[in-house]
C-alpha cells in the first residue's frame, strides 16, 4: 500500500490496518516455518506496510502535539 493512500486515512483506520497486518504477518511467519507459504515476498511487503503505517501514525502524533503547543 502506498504512503499517499495511508495518509488520507484516519487514525482509527490506520490502527485497524496495523492490527490486521500484524496478525497476517504472524500467520505468514508460522506458514513460512512450516513450508506452506507460496509467496515469500509477501512477508517483506507486509513488514514494509507495517513500517509505513507506524511512520505515518508517528508523523500525525507529532503534528497534533505541535498544534497543541
C-alpha atoms as a PDB file:
ATOM      1  CA  UNK A   1       0.000   0.000   0.000  1.00  0.00           C
ATOM      2  CA  UNK A   2       1.272   3.452  -0.885  1.00  0.00           C
ATOM      3  CA  UNK A   3       2.077   6.035   1.780  1.00  0.00           C
ATOM      4  CA  UNK A   4      -0.091   8.590  -0.013  1.00  0.00           C
ATOM      5  CA  UNK A   5      -3.128   6.331   0.386  1.00  0.00           C
ATOM      6  CA  UNK A   6      -2.358   5.780   4.065  1.00  0.00           C
ATOM      7  CA  UNK A   7      -2.012   9.495   4.821  1.00  0.00           C
ATOM      8  CA  UNK A   8      -5.603  10.058   3.702  1.00  0.00           C
ATOM      9  CA  UNK A   9      -6.950   7.667   6.341  1.00  0.00           C
ATOM     10  CA  UNK A  10      -7.959   8.435   9.905  1.00  0.00           C
ATOM     11  CA  UNK A  11      -6.028   7.281  12.947  1.00  0.00           C
ATOM     12  CA  UNK A  12      -8.610   4.580  13.766  1.00  0.00           C
ATOM     13  CA  UNK A  13      -8.417   3.174  10.246  1.00  0.00           C
ATOM     14  CA  UNK A  14      -4.630   3.099  10.469  1.00  0.00           C
ATOM     15  CA  UNK A  15      -4.764   1.282  13.804  1.00  0.00           C
ATOM     16  CA  UNK A  16      -7.150  -1.292  12.333  1.00  0.00           C
ATOM     17  CA  UNK A  17      -4.903  -1.810   9.295  1.00  0.00           C
ATOM     18  CA  UNK A  18      -1.898  -2.131  11.597  1.00  0.00           C
ATOM     19  CA  UNK A  19      -3.576  -4.808  13.707  1.00  0.00           C
ATOM     20  CA  UNK A  20      -4.712  -6.695  10.606  1.00  0.00           C
ATOM     21  CA  UNK A  21      -1.271  -6.516   9.039  1.00  0.00           C
ATOM     22  CA  UNK A  22       0.453  -7.713  12.192  1.00  0.00           C
ATOM     23  CA  UNK A  23      -1.882 -10.687  12.567  1.00  0.00           C
ATOM     24  CA  UNK A  24      -1.436 -11.594   8.903  1.00  0.00           C
ATOM     25  CA  UNK A  25       2.353 -11.311   9.294  1.00  0.00           C
ATOM     26  CA  UNK A  26       2.252 -13.609  12.309  1.00  0.00           C
ATOM     27  CA  UNK A  27       0.243 -16.164  10.338  1.00  0.00           C
ATOM     28  CA  UNK A  28       2.591 -15.926   7.355  1.00  0.00           C
ATOM     29  CA  UNK A  29       5.591 -16.392   9.642  1.00  0.00           C
ATOM     30  CA  UNK A  30       4.102 -19.598  11.001  1.00  0.00           C
ATOM     31  CA  UNK A  31       3.252 -20.776   7.498  1.00  0.00           C
ATOM     32  CA  UNK A  32       6.780 -19.965   6.334  1.00  0.00           C
ATOM     33  CA  UNK A  33       8.297 -22.076   9.078  1.00  0.00           C
ATOM     34  CA  UNK A  34       6.040 -24.984   8.167  1.00  0.00           C
ATOM     35  CA  UNK A  35       6.869 -24.521   4.458  1.00  0.00           C
ATOM     36  CA  UNK A  36       3.301 -23.638   3.454  1.00  0.00           C
ATOM     37  CA  UNK A  37       3.965 -20.155   2.021  1.00  0.00           C
ATOM     38  CA  UNK A  38       3.771 -19.853  -1.740  1.00  0.00           C
ATOM     39  CA  UNK A  39       4.768 -16.183  -1.970  1.00  0.00           C
ATOM     40  CA  UNK A  40       7.660 -15.400   0.377  1.00  0.00           C
ATOM     41  CA  UNK A  41       7.868 -11.783  -0.829  1.00  0.00           C
ATOM     42  CA  UNK A  42       4.505 -11.107   0.774  1.00  0.00           C
ATOM     43  CA  UNK A  43       6.232 -11.224   4.175  1.00  0.00           C
ATOM     44  CA  UNK A  44       8.616  -8.456   3.116  1.00  0.00           C
ATOM     45  CA  UNK A  45       5.762  -6.440   1.684  1.00  0.00           C
ATOM     46  CA  UNK A  46       3.777  -6.712   4.922  1.00  0.00           C
ATOM     47  CA  UNK A  47       6.762  -5.623   7.003  1.00  0.00           C
ATOM     48  CA  UNK A  48       7.169  -2.548   4.837  1.00  0.00           C
ATOM     49  CA  UNK A  49       3.459  -1.748   5.055  1.00  0.00           C
ATOM     50  CA  UNK A  50       3.611  -2.010   8.853  1.00  0.00           C
ATOM     51  CA  UNK A  51       6.614   0.325   8.894  1.00  0.00           C
ATOM     52  CA  UNK A  52       4.791   2.832   6.675  1.00  0.00           C
ATOM     53  CA  UNK A  53       1.725   2.780   8.916  1.00  0.00           C
ATOM     54  CA  UNK A  54       3.821   3.291  12.055  1.00  0.00           C
ATOM     55  CA  UNK A  55       5.730   6.148  10.422  1.00  0.00           C
ATOM     56  CA  UNK A  56       2.561   7.929   9.338  1.00  0.00           C
ATOM     57  CA  UNK A  57       0.975   7.458  12.755  1.00  0.00           C
ATOM     58  CA  UNK A  58       4.054   8.957  14.403  1.00  0.00           C
ATOM     59  CA  UNK A  59       4.024  11.891  11.974  1.00  0.00           C
ATOM     60  CA  UNK A  60       0.369  12.550  12.765  1.00  0.00           C
ATOM     61  CA  UNK A  61       1.039  12.400  16.513  1.00  0.00           C
ATOM     62  CA  UNK A  62       3.902  14.872  16.205  1.00  0.00           C
ATOM     63  CA  UNK A  63       1.749  17.204  14.118  1.00  0.00           C
ATOM     64  CA  UNK A  64      -1.007  17.112  16.746  1.00  0.00           C
ATOM     65  CA  UNK A  65       1.472  17.824  19.531  1.00  0.00           C
ATOM     66  CA  UNK A  66       2.870  20.724  17.547  1.00  0.00           C
ATOM     67  CA  UNK A  67      -0.610  22.228  17.160  1.00  0.00           C
ATOM     68  CA  UNK A  68      -1.275  21.937  20.890  1.00  0.00           C
ATOM     69  CA  UNK A  69       1.906  23.790  21.860  1.00  0.00           C
END
